[in-house]
Amino acid sequence: MHRPGQREPLVNAYGRQVLVAAGRWHVWDGKRWIADDADVYRYACRLSLLVHGEAKACGQGSTGDAAAIAKAEGIAKALEAWAVKSEMKGAIEAAVGLARKMLTVEVDTLDADPWLLNVANGTVDLRTGSLRGHCVDDMITRLVPVAYVPDARCEVWQRRWPRSAWATSRCRPSCSAGPATA
């Protein structure tokens, strides 16, 4: 069944949660993009549930005259039939294949900003030291599995700090040109 605006149901439903880079599916887990070929098939299998929900809402929301009710019931019945067809392997493979073409990004877009460090409780901008929430648009695949605590102290680091190159006036953590040369 052709549904206007729904030619790409997997993309419409889950396009912000899946992408393809370097020939592999990646899934957004709420913190980063993880290479996972299986999740996209799980999402594709859920499409029928979305259509079943649409059918139910269409059937329940029908009000007005008999012609409007009959039309809504016909649409609901057609949606139910489409939902059943979308559970078939061929329909799932077709949805995944179409989505692959539509959701492919260049591999260079992943982890493109070297100044962003993804940690357990957000993303640290290493230029400023500020912490913000994880963002799907940052295209980060890596995660340091510790929470960032801005005011945390490390005595070993503090004792080493005066002897390090970072302590000189020629190089500060915020410099964008990298370490100063002698």
N, C-alpha and C. Protein backbone atom coordinates (compact mmCIF):
# COMPACT_ATOMS: atom_id res chain seq x y z
N MET A 1 0.85 -1.19 0.00
CA MET A 1 0.00 0.00 0.00
C MET A 1 0.88 1.23 0.00
N HIS A 2 0.60 2.16 -0.88
CA HIS A 2 1.36 3.40 -0.93
C HIS A 2 0.72 4.42 0.01
N ARG A 3 1.53 4.94 0.89
CA ARG A 3 1.05 5.96 1.82
C ARG A 3 1.86 7.21 1.59
N PRO A 4 1.26 8.30 1.11
CA PRO A 4 1.99 9.53 0.86
C PRO A 4 2.75 9.97 2.12
N GLY A 5 4.00 10.34 1.91
CA GLY A 5 4.81 10.80 3.04
C GLY A 5 5.42 9.66 3.83
N GLN A 6 5.11 8.41 3.46
CA GLN A 6 5.63 7.27 4.20
C GLN A 6 6.39 6.31 3.27
N ARG A 7 7.00 6.83 2.25
CA ARG A 7 7.74 5.98 1.33
C ARG A 7 8.98 5.40 2.01
N GLU A 8 9.47 6.08 3.01
CA GLU A 8 10.66 5.64 3.73
C GLU A 8 10.31 5.47 5.20
N PRO A 9 9.52 4.46 5.55
CA PRO A 9 9.03 4.37 6.92
C PRO A 9 10.14 4.20 7.96
N LEU A 10 11.17 3.44 7.66
CA LEU A 10 12.26 3.25 8.61
C LEU A 10 13.00 4.56 8.85
N VAL A 11 13.23 5.31 7.79
CA VAL A 11 13.91 6.60 7.90
C VAL A 11 13.05 7.58 8.69
N ASN A 12 11.74 7.61 8.38
CA ASN A 12 10.85 8.54 9.09
C ASN A 12 10.75 8.21 10.58
N ALA A 13 10.71 6.93 10.90
CA ALA A 13 10.52 6.53 12.30
C ALA A 13 11.81 6.57 13.10
N TYR A 14 12.93 6.18 12.49
CA TYR A 14 14.16 5.99 13.27
C TYR A 14 15.38 6.68 12.67
N GLY A 15 15.19 7.60 11.75
CA GLY A 15 16.30 8.25 11.05
C GLY A 15 17.28 8.98 11.93
N ARG A 16 16.86 9.44 13.09
CA ARG A 16 17.78 10.13 14.01
C ARG A 16 18.50 9.15 14.93
N GLN A 17 18.20 7.87 14.82
CA GLN A 17 18.78 6.86 15.70
C GLN A 17 19.69 5.88 14.98
N VAL A 18 19.69 5.89 13.65
CA VAL A 18 20.53 4.97 12.90
C VAL A 18 21.20 5.70 11.75
N LEU A 19 22.39 5.23 11.37
CA LEU A 19 23.09 5.74 10.21
C LEU A 19 24.05 4.67 9.72
N VAL A 20 24.58 4.88 8.53
CA VAL A 20 25.55 3.96 7.95
C VAL A 20 26.82 4.75 7.67
N ALA A 21 27.95 4.23 8.14
CA ALA A 21 29.25 4.83 7.86
C ALA A 21 30.23 3.69 7.63
N ALA A 22 31.06 3.83 6.61
CA ALA A 22 32.04 2.80 6.25
C ALA A 22 31.37 1.44 6.04
N GLY A 23 30.15 1.45 5.49
CA GLY A 23 29.45 0.22 5.20
C GLY A 23 28.83 -0.47 6.40
N ARG A 24 28.90 0.14 7.58
CA ARG A 24 28.35 -0.48 8.79
C ARG A 24 27.23 0.39 9.36
N TRP A 25 26.23 -0.29 9.89
CA TRP A 25 25.17 0.42 10.59
C TRP A 25 25.69 0.88 11.93
N HIS A 26 25.28 2.08 12.34
CA HIS A 26 25.58 2.62 13.65
C HIS A 26 24.26 3.04 14.29
N VAL A 27 24.16 2.83 15.58
CA VAL A 27 22.93 3.14 16.31
C VAL A 27 23.26 4.11 17.44
N TRP A 28 22.43 5.13 17.61
CA TRP A 28 22.59 6.10 18.69
C TRP A 28 22.07 5.47 19.98
N ASP A 29 22.93 5.37 20.99
CA ASP A 29 22.52 4.74 22.26
C ASP A 29 22.19 5.77 23.34
N GLY A 30 22.10 7.02 22.95
CA GLY A 30 21.81 8.09 23.91
C GLY A 30 23.06 8.83 24.34
N LYS A 31 24.22 8.25 24.06
CA LYS A 31 25.50 8.89 24.41
C LYS A 31 26.46 8.95 23.23
N ARG A 32 26.37 7.97 22.34
CA ARG A 32 27.31 7.88 21.21
C ARG A 32 26.72 7.00 20.12
N TRP A 33 27.38 7.01 18.97
CA TRP A 33 27.03 6.14 17.86
C TRP A 33 27.83 4.86 18.00
N ILE A 34 27.15 3.71 18.06
CA ILE A 34 27.79 2.41 18.21
C ILE A 34 27.56 1.59 16.94
N ALA A 35 28.63 0.98 16.42
CA ALA A 35 28.49 0.10 15.26
C ALA A 35 27.67 -1.12 15.67
N ASP A 36 26.53 -1.31 15.02
CA ASP A 36 25.64 -2.41 15.39
C ASP A 36 24.72 -2.71 14.20
N ASP A 37 25.02 -3.78 13.51
CA ASP A 37 24.22 -4.15 12.34
C ASP A 37 22.87 -4.73 12.73
N ALA A 38 22.74 -5.27 13.92
CA ALA A 38 21.51 -5.96 14.32
C ALA A 38 20.39 -5.00 14.71
N ASP A 39 20.71 -3.89 15.34
CA ASP A 39 19.66 -3.00 15.83
C ASP A 39 18.77 -2.45 14.72
N VAL A 40 19.33 -2.20 13.56
CA VAL A 40 18.51 -1.65 12.49
C VAL A 40 17.41 -2.64 12.10
N TYR A 41 17.70 -3.93 12.17
CA TYR A 41 16.67 -4.93 11.89
C TYR A 41 15.63 -4.96 13.00
N ARG A 42 16.06 -4.73 14.23
CA ARG A 42 15.08 -4.64 15.33
C ARG A 42 14.14 -3.47 15.10
N TYR A 43 14.71 -2.33 14.69
CA TYR A 43 13.88 -1.17 14.39
C TYR A 43 12.93 -1.47 13.24
N ALA A 44 13.43 -2.11 12.20
CA ALA A 44 12.58 -2.44 11.04
C ALA A 44 11.44 -3.37 11.44
N CYS A 45 11.72 -4.29 12.34
CA CYS A 45 10.66 -5.19 12.81
C CYS A 45 9.60 -4.46 13.63
N ARG A 46 9.98 -3.36 14.25
CA ARG A 46 9.02 -2.57 15.05
C ARG A 46 8.11 -1.72 14.19
N LEU A 47 8.43 -1.56 12.91
CA LEU A 47 7.61 -0.72 12.05
C LEU A 47 6.16 -1.18 12.02
N SER A 48 5.96 -2.49 12.03
CA SER A 48 4.59 -3.00 11.99
C SER A 48 3.82 -2.57 13.24
N LEU A 49 4.51 -2.49 14.37
CA LEU A 49 3.84 -2.03 15.60
C LEU A 49 3.37 -0.59 15.47
N LEU A 50 4.20 0.23 14.81
CA LEU A 50 3.80 1.63 14.59
C LEU A 50 2.57 1.71 13.70
N VAL A 51 2.55 0.88 12.66
CA VAL A 51 1.41 0.91 11.74
C VAL A 51 0.16 0.35 12.42
N HIS A 52 0.32 -0.70 13.22
CA HIS A 52 -0.83 -1.21 13.99
C HIS A 52 -1.38 -0.11 14.89
N GLY A 53 -0.51 0.67 15.51
CA GLY A 53 -0.94 1.78 16.36
C GLY A 53 -1.69 2.85 15.57
N GLU A 54 -1.19 3.14 14.36
CA GLU A 54 -1.89 4.11 13.50
C GLU A 54 -3.28 3.60 13.14
N ALA A 55 -3.35 2.30 12.83
CA ALA A 55 -4.64 1.71 12.46
C ALA A 55 -5.63 1.80 13.61
N LYS A 56 -5.15 1.49 14.80
CA LYS A 56 -6.03 1.55 15.99
C LYS A 56 -6.52 2.97 16.23
N ALA A 57 -5.59 3.93 16.14
CA ALA A 57 -5.97 5.33 16.35
C ALA A 57 -6.95 5.80 15.28
N CYS A 58 -6.74 5.36 14.08
CA CYS A 58 -7.64 5.76 12.98
C CYS A 58 -9.04 5.20 13.21
N GLY A 59 -9.11 3.95 13.64
CA GLY A 59 -10.41 3.33 13.88
C GLY A 59 -11.12 3.91 15.08
N GLN A 60 -10.38 4.28 16.11
CA GLN A 60 -11.00 4.82 17.33
C GLN A 60 -11.37 6.29 17.19
N GLY A 61 -10.66 6.99 16.34
CA GLY A 61 -10.89 8.43 16.24
C GLY A 61 -11.95 8.82 15.25
N SER A 62 -12.68 7.87 14.73
CA SER A 62 -13.68 8.20 13.72
C SER A 62 -14.95 8.74 14.36
N THR A 63 -15.32 9.93 13.93
CA THR A 63 -16.56 10.56 14.39
C THR A 63 -17.23 11.21 13.20
N GLY A 64 -18.43 11.65 13.38
CA GLY A 64 -19.14 12.33 12.31
C GLY A 64 -20.20 11.44 11.70
N ASP A 65 -20.46 11.71 10.43
CA ASP A 65 -21.52 10.96 9.75
C ASP A 65 -21.05 9.55 9.37
N ALA A 66 -21.98 8.78 8.87
CA ALA A 66 -21.71 7.38 8.56
C ALA A 66 -20.64 7.24 7.48
N ALA A 67 -20.61 8.15 6.51
CA ALA A 67 -19.62 8.08 5.44
C ALA A 67 -18.21 8.30 6.00
N ALA A 68 -18.05 9.25 6.92
CA ALA A 68 -16.74 9.52 7.52
C ALA A 68 -16.29 8.34 8.37
N ILE A 69 -17.21 7.76 9.08
CA ILE A 69 -16.88 6.59 9.92
C ILE A 69 -16.48 5.41 9.05
N ALA A 70 -17.22 5.18 7.97
CA ALA A 70 -16.90 4.08 7.05
C ALA A 70 -15.53 4.30 6.40
N LYS A 71 -15.24 5.54 6.04
CA LYS A 71 -13.94 5.86 5.44
C LYS A 71 -12.82 5.59 6.44
N ALA A 72 -12.98 6.03 7.68
CA ALA A 72 -11.96 5.82 8.72
C ALA A 72 -11.76 4.34 8.98
N GLU A 73 -12.85 3.58 9.00
CA GLU A 73 -12.73 2.14 9.22
C GLU A 73 -12.02 1.46 8.05
N GLY A 74 -12.27 1.94 6.84
CA GLY A 74 -11.59 1.40 5.66
C GLY A 74 -10.10 1.67 5.71
N ILE A 75 -9.75 2.88 6.13
CA ILE A 75 -8.33 3.23 6.26
C ILE A 75 -7.68 2.37 7.34
N ALA A 76 -8.37 2.19 8.45
CA ALA A 76 -7.83 1.37 9.54
C ALA A 76 -7.61 -0.07 9.07
N LYS A 77 -8.54 -0.59 8.31
CA LYS A 77 -8.42 -1.96 7.80
C LYS A 77 -7.23 -2.06 6.84
N ALA A 78 -7.06 -1.08 5.98
CA ALA A 78 -5.94 -1.07 5.03
C ALA A 78 -4.61 -0.96 5.78
N LEU A 79 -4.57 -0.15 6.83
CA LEU A 79 -3.36 -0.02 7.63
C LEU A 79 -3.02 -1.34 8.32
N GLU A 80 -4.03 -2.04 8.82
CA GLU A 80 -3.79 -3.34 9.45
C GLU A 80 -3.20 -4.32 8.44
N ALA A 81 -3.72 -4.31 7.23
CA ALA A 81 -3.19 -5.20 6.19
C ALA A 81 -1.74 -4.84 5.86
N TRP A 82 -1.46 -3.54 5.79
CA TRP A 82 -0.09 -3.09 5.50
C TRP A 82 0.85 -3.46 6.65
N ALA A 83 0.36 -3.37 7.87
CA ALA A 83 1.18 -3.73 9.03
C ALA A 83 1.57 -5.21 8.97
N VAL A 84 0.63 -6.05 8.60
CA VAL A 84 0.92 -7.49 8.48
C VAL A 84 1.95 -7.72 7.38
N LYS A 85 1.80 -7.05 6.23
CA LYS A 85 2.75 -7.21 5.14
C LYS A 85 4.14 -6.70 5.54
N SER A 86 4.19 -5.66 6.36
CA SER A 86 5.49 -5.10 6.74
C SER A 86 6.25 -5.99 7.71
N GLU A 87 5.60 -7.04 8.21
CA GLU A 87 6.28 -8.00 9.08
C GLU A 87 7.01 -9.08 8.29
N MET A 88 6.79 -9.12 6.99
CA MET A 88 7.42 -10.14 6.16
C MET A 88 8.88 -9.79 5.91
N LYS A 89 9.69 -10.84 5.76
CA LYS A 89 11.13 -10.65 5.58
C LYS A 89 11.44 -9.74 4.40
N GLY A 90 10.75 -9.92 3.30
CA GLY A 90 11.00 -9.10 2.12
C GLY A 90 10.76 -7.63 2.37
N ALA A 91 9.71 -7.31 3.10
CA ALA A 91 9.40 -5.91 3.41
C ALA A 91 10.45 -5.33 4.36
N ILE A 92 10.89 -6.14 5.32
CA ILE A 92 11.91 -5.68 6.26
C ILE A 92 13.22 -5.43 5.51
N GLU A 93 13.61 -6.36 4.66
CA GLU A 93 14.85 -6.19 3.88
C GLU A 93 14.75 -4.97 2.97
N ALA A 94 13.60 -4.75 2.38
CA ALA A 94 13.41 -3.60 1.50
C ALA A 94 13.53 -2.29 2.29
N ALA A 95 12.94 -2.26 3.47
CA ALA A 95 13.02 -1.06 4.30
C ALA A 95 14.46 -0.78 4.73
N VAL A 96 15.18 -1.83 5.11
CA VAL A 96 16.57 -1.67 5.53
C VAL A 96 17.44 -1.24 4.34
N GLY A 97 17.20 -1.84 3.18
CA GLY A 97 17.98 -1.48 1.99
C GLY A 97 17.77 -0.04 1.58
N LEU A 98 16.53 0.42 1.60
CA LEU A 98 16.24 1.80 1.26
C LEU A 98 16.84 2.75 2.29
N ALA A 99 16.70 2.40 3.55
CA ALA A 99 17.26 3.25 4.61
C ALA A 99 18.77 3.34 4.49
N ARG A 100 19.43 2.23 4.12
CA ARG A 100 20.89 2.23 3.96
C ARG A 100 21.31 3.30 2.96
N LYS A 101 20.58 3.39 1.87
CA LYS A 101 20.92 4.38 0.85
C LYS A 101 20.67 5.81 1.33
N MET A 102 19.65 5.97 2.15
CA MET A 102 19.26 7.31 2.57
C MET A 102 20.02 7.81 3.80
N LEU A 103 20.56 6.89 4.59
CA LEU A 103 21.18 7.27 5.86
C LEU A 103 22.70 7.11 5.86
N THR A 104 23.31 6.94 4.70
CA THR A 104 24.76 6.78 4.63
C THR A 104 25.43 8.14 4.77
N VAL A 105 26.45 8.19 5.63
CA VAL A 105 27.26 9.40 5.82
C VAL A 105 28.71 9.04 5.56
N GLU A 106 29.50 10.05 5.24
CA GLU A 106 30.94 9.83 5.06
C GLU A 106 31.55 9.48 6.41
N VAL A 107 32.47 8.55 6.41
CA VAL A 107 33.09 8.11 7.66
C VAL A 107 33.83 9.27 8.34
N ASP A 108 34.29 10.25 7.55
CA ASP A 108 35.00 11.41 8.12
C ASP A 108 34.11 12.26 9.02
N THR A 109 32.79 12.10 8.91
CA THR A 109 31.91 12.90 9.76
C THR A 109 31.85 12.36 11.19
N LEU A 110 32.25 11.09 11.38
CA LEU A 110 32.28 10.53 12.73
C LEU A 110 33.53 11.00 13.45
N ASP A 111 33.38 11.38 14.70
CA ASP A 111 34.51 11.82 15.54
C ASP A 111 35.33 12.90 14.86
N ALA A 112 34.67 13.81 14.17
CA ALA A 112 35.36 14.83 13.39
C ALA A 112 35.93 15.96 14.24
N ASP A 113 35.35 16.24 15.39
CA ASP A 113 35.82 17.35 16.22
C ASP A 113 36.75 16.83 17.31
N PRO A 114 38.05 17.06 17.18
CA PRO A 114 39.00 16.52 18.16
C PRO A 114 38.91 17.21 19.52
N TRP A 115 38.16 18.29 19.61
CA TRP A 115 38.05 19.03 20.87
C TRP A 115 36.88 18.57 21.72
N LEU A 116 36.12 17.59 21.25
CA LEU A 116 35.00 17.07 22.03
C LEU A 116 35.39 15.73 22.64
N LEU A 117 35.23 15.62 23.95
CA LEU A 117 35.52 14.38 24.67
C LEU A 117 34.21 13.88 25.27
N ASN A 118 33.78 12.74 24.85
CA ASN A 118 32.53 12.15 25.30
C ASN A 118 32.78 11.37 26.58
N VAL A 119 32.11 11.74 27.65
CA VAL A 119 32.25 11.07 28.95
C VAL A 119 30.88 10.56 29.39
N ALA A 120 30.84 9.85 30.48
CA ALA A 120 29.60 9.21 30.93
C ALA A 120 28.46 10.20 31.18
N ASN A 121 28.78 11.38 31.66
CA ASN A 121 27.72 12.34 32.01
C ASN A 121 27.58 13.49 31.02
N GLY A 122 28.14 13.38 29.83
CA GLY A 122 27.98 14.42 28.83
C GLY A 122 29.19 14.50 27.91
N THR A 123 29.31 15.63 27.25
CA THR A 123 30.43 15.87 26.35
C THR A 123 31.18 17.10 26.84
N VAL A 124 32.48 16.96 26.98
CA VAL A 124 33.33 18.05 27.43
C VAL A 124 33.94 18.72 26.21
N ASP A 125 33.80 20.04 26.14
CA ASP A 125 34.50 20.81 25.12
C ASP A 125 35.87 21.12 25.68
N LEU A 126 36.89 20.50 25.14
CA LEU A 126 38.24 20.64 25.68
C LEU A 126 38.82 22.03 25.50
N ARG A 127 38.23 22.85 24.67
CA ARG A 127 38.69 24.24 24.52
C ARG A 127 38.29 25.07 25.72
N THR A 128 37.13 24.77 26.29
CA THR A 128 36.59 25.60 27.37
C THR A 128 36.48 24.86 28.70
N GLY A 129 36.49 23.54 28.65
CA GLY A 129 36.28 22.75 29.86
C GLY A 129 34.82 22.63 30.26
N SER A 130 33.93 23.13 29.41
CA SER A 130 32.50 23.09 29.75
C SER A 130 31.91 21.73 29.39
N LEU A 131 30.95 21.31 30.21
CA LEU A 131 30.25 20.05 30.03
C LEU A 131 28.85 20.34 29.52
N ARG A 132 28.43 19.61 28.50
CA ARG A 132 27.06 19.74 28.00
C ARG A 132 26.51 18.34 27.75
N GLY A 133 25.26 18.25 27.47
CA GLY A 133 24.62 16.96 27.24
C GLY A 133 25.14 16.27 25.99
N HIS A 134 24.96 14.94 25.94
CA HIS A 134 25.31 14.19 24.75
C HIS A 134 24.44 14.68 23.60
N CYS A 135 25.01 14.72 22.41
CA CYS A 135 24.27 15.25 21.26
C CYS A 135 24.47 14.34 20.05
N VAL A 136 23.38 13.87 19.49
CA VAL A 136 23.41 13.00 18.33
C VAL A 136 24.15 13.66 17.17
N ASP A 137 24.06 14.98 17.04
CA ASP A 137 24.67 15.70 15.93
C ASP A 137 26.18 15.84 16.05
N ASP A 138 26.75 15.55 17.22
CA ASP A 138 28.20 15.61 17.37
C ASP A 138 28.88 14.45 16.64
N MET A 139 28.13 13.40 16.34
CA MET A 139 28.62 12.25 15.58
C MET A 139 29.80 11.56 16.27
N ILE A 140 29.74 11.46 17.58
CA ILE A 140 30.82 10.85 18.36
C ILE A 140 30.56 9.35 18.53
N THR A 141 31.62 8.55 18.34
CA THR A 141 31.50 7.10 18.50
C THR A 141 32.23 6.60 19.75
N ARG A 142 33.06 7.44 20.32
CA ARG A 142 33.87 6.99 21.46
C ARG A 142 33.28 7.51 22.76
N LEU A 143 33.58 6.81 23.85
CA LEU A 143 33.08 7.21 25.16
C LEU A 143 34.12 6.86 26.22
N VAL A 144 34.50 7.85 27.01
CA VAL A 144 35.34 7.60 28.17
C VAL A 144 34.37 7.24 29.30
N PRO A 145 34.45 6.04 29.85
CA PRO A 145 33.43 5.57 30.79
C PRO A 145 33.59 6.10 32.21
N VAL A 146 33.85 7.38 32.35
CA VAL A 146 33.92 8.02 33.66
C VAL A 146 33.13 9.33 33.59
N ALA A 147 32.66 9.76 34.73
CA ALA A 147 31.94 11.03 34.79
C ALA A 147 32.94 12.17 34.92
N TYR A 148 32.67 13.24 34.21
CA TYR A 148 33.50 14.44 34.29
C TYR A 148 33.06 15.25 35.50
N VAL A 149 34.03 15.59 36.36
CA VAL A 149 33.78 16.41 37.53
C VAL A 149 34.70 17.63 37.41
N PRO A 150 34.15 18.78 37.05
CA PRO A 150 35.00 19.94 36.76
C PRO A 150 35.94 20.35 37.90
N ASP A 151 35.51 20.23 39.13
CA ASP A 151 36.32 20.68 40.26
C ASP A 151 37.12 19.55 40.90
N ALA A 152 37.18 18.40 40.27
CA ALA A 152 37.90 17.27 40.85
C ALA A 152 39.39 17.59 40.91
N ARG A 153 40.04 17.06 41.91
CA ARG A 153 41.48 17.25 42.10
C ARG A 153 42.17 15.89 42.06
N CYS A 154 43.33 15.87 41.50
CA CYS A 154 44.16 14.67 41.48
C CYS A 154 45.52 15.08 42.04
N GLU A 155 45.80 14.60 43.22
CA GLU A 155 47.03 15.04 43.89
C GLU A 155 48.28 14.65 43.11
N VAL A 156 48.27 13.49 42.47
CA VAL A 156 49.44 13.10 41.68
C VAL A 156 49.65 14.10 40.56
N TRP A 157 48.57 14.46 39.86
CA TRP A 157 48.68 15.44 38.79
C TRP A 157 49.10 16.80 39.34
N GLN A 158 48.53 17.20 40.43
CA GLN A 158 48.87 18.49 41.02
C GLN A 158 50.34 18.57 41.40
N ARG A 159 50.90 17.46 41.93
CA ARG A 159 52.33 17.46 42.27
C ARG A 159 53.19 17.51 41.01
N ARG A 160 52.72 16.89 39.92
CA ARG A 160 53.48 16.84 38.67
C ARG A 160 53.35 18.12 37.88
N TRP A 161 52.24 18.82 38.05
CA TRP A 161 51.92 20.01 37.26
C TRP A 161 53.06 21.02 37.19
N PRO A 162 53.70 21.44 38.27
CA PRO A 162 54.74 22.48 38.17
C PRO A 162 55.93 22.05 37.31
N ARG A 163 56.14 20.75 37.15
CA ARG A 163 57.29 20.30 36.36
C ARG A 163 56.92 20.03 34.91
N SER A 164 55.67 20.16 34.56
CA SER A 164 55.26 19.83 33.20
C SER A 164 55.36 21.03 32.27
N ALA A 165 55.35 20.76 31.00
CA ALA A 165 55.40 21.83 30.00
C ALA A 165 54.15 22.70 30.05
N TRP A 166 53.04 22.13 30.54
CA TRP A 166 51.80 22.89 30.62
C TRP A 166 51.90 24.05 31.60
N ALA A 167 52.83 23.97 32.52
CA ALA A 167 52.94 25.02 33.53
C ALA A 167 53.65 26.26 33.01
N THR A 168 54.35 26.14 31.90
CA THR A 168 55.05 27.30 31.37
C THR A 168 54.07 28.29 30.79
N SER A 169 54.50 29.52 30.71
CA SER A 169 53.61 30.55 30.17
C SER A 169 53.44 30.42 28.66
N ARG A 170 54.28 29.62 28.02
CA ARG A 170 54.19 29.49 26.57
C ARG A 170 53.13 28.49 26.14
N CYS A 171 52.64 27.69 27.05
CA CYS A 171 51.65 26.68 26.66
C CYS A 171 50.61 26.51 27.74
N ARG A 172 49.38 26.72 27.41
CA ARG A 172 48.25 26.57 28.32
C ARG A 172 47.28 25.56 27.72
N PRO A 173 46.50 24.89 28.56
CA PRO A 173 45.53 23.91 28.04
C PRO A 173 44.55 24.50 27.03
N SER A 174 44.33 25.83 27.08
CA SER A 174 43.35 26.41 26.19
C SER A 174 43.94 26.84 24.86
N CYS A 175 45.24 26.70 24.67
CA CYS A 175 45.82 27.17 23.42
C CYS A 175 45.39 26.25 22.28
N SER A 176 45.01 26.83 21.16
CA SER A 176 44.50 26.04 20.06
C SER A 176 45.60 25.64 19.08
N ALA A 177 46.78 26.22 19.21
CA ALA A 177 47.85 25.91 18.29
C ALA A 177 48.70 24.73 18.73
N GLY A 178 48.40 24.17 19.88
CA GLY A 178 49.16 23.05 20.39
C GLY A 178 50.31 23.53 21.28
N PRO A 179 51.16 22.62 21.73
CA PRO A 179 52.23 22.99 22.64
C PRO A 179 53.25 23.91 21.99
N ALA A 180 53.78 24.79 22.77
CA ALA A 180 54.79 25.71 22.29
C ALA A 180 56.10 24.94 22.06
N THR A 181 56.86 25.40 21.11
CA THR A 181 58.16 24.79 20.84
C THR A 181 59.25 25.66 21.39
N ALA A 182 60.34 25.04 21.75
CA ALA A 182 61.44 25.79 22.36
C ALA A 182 62.25 26.49 21.32
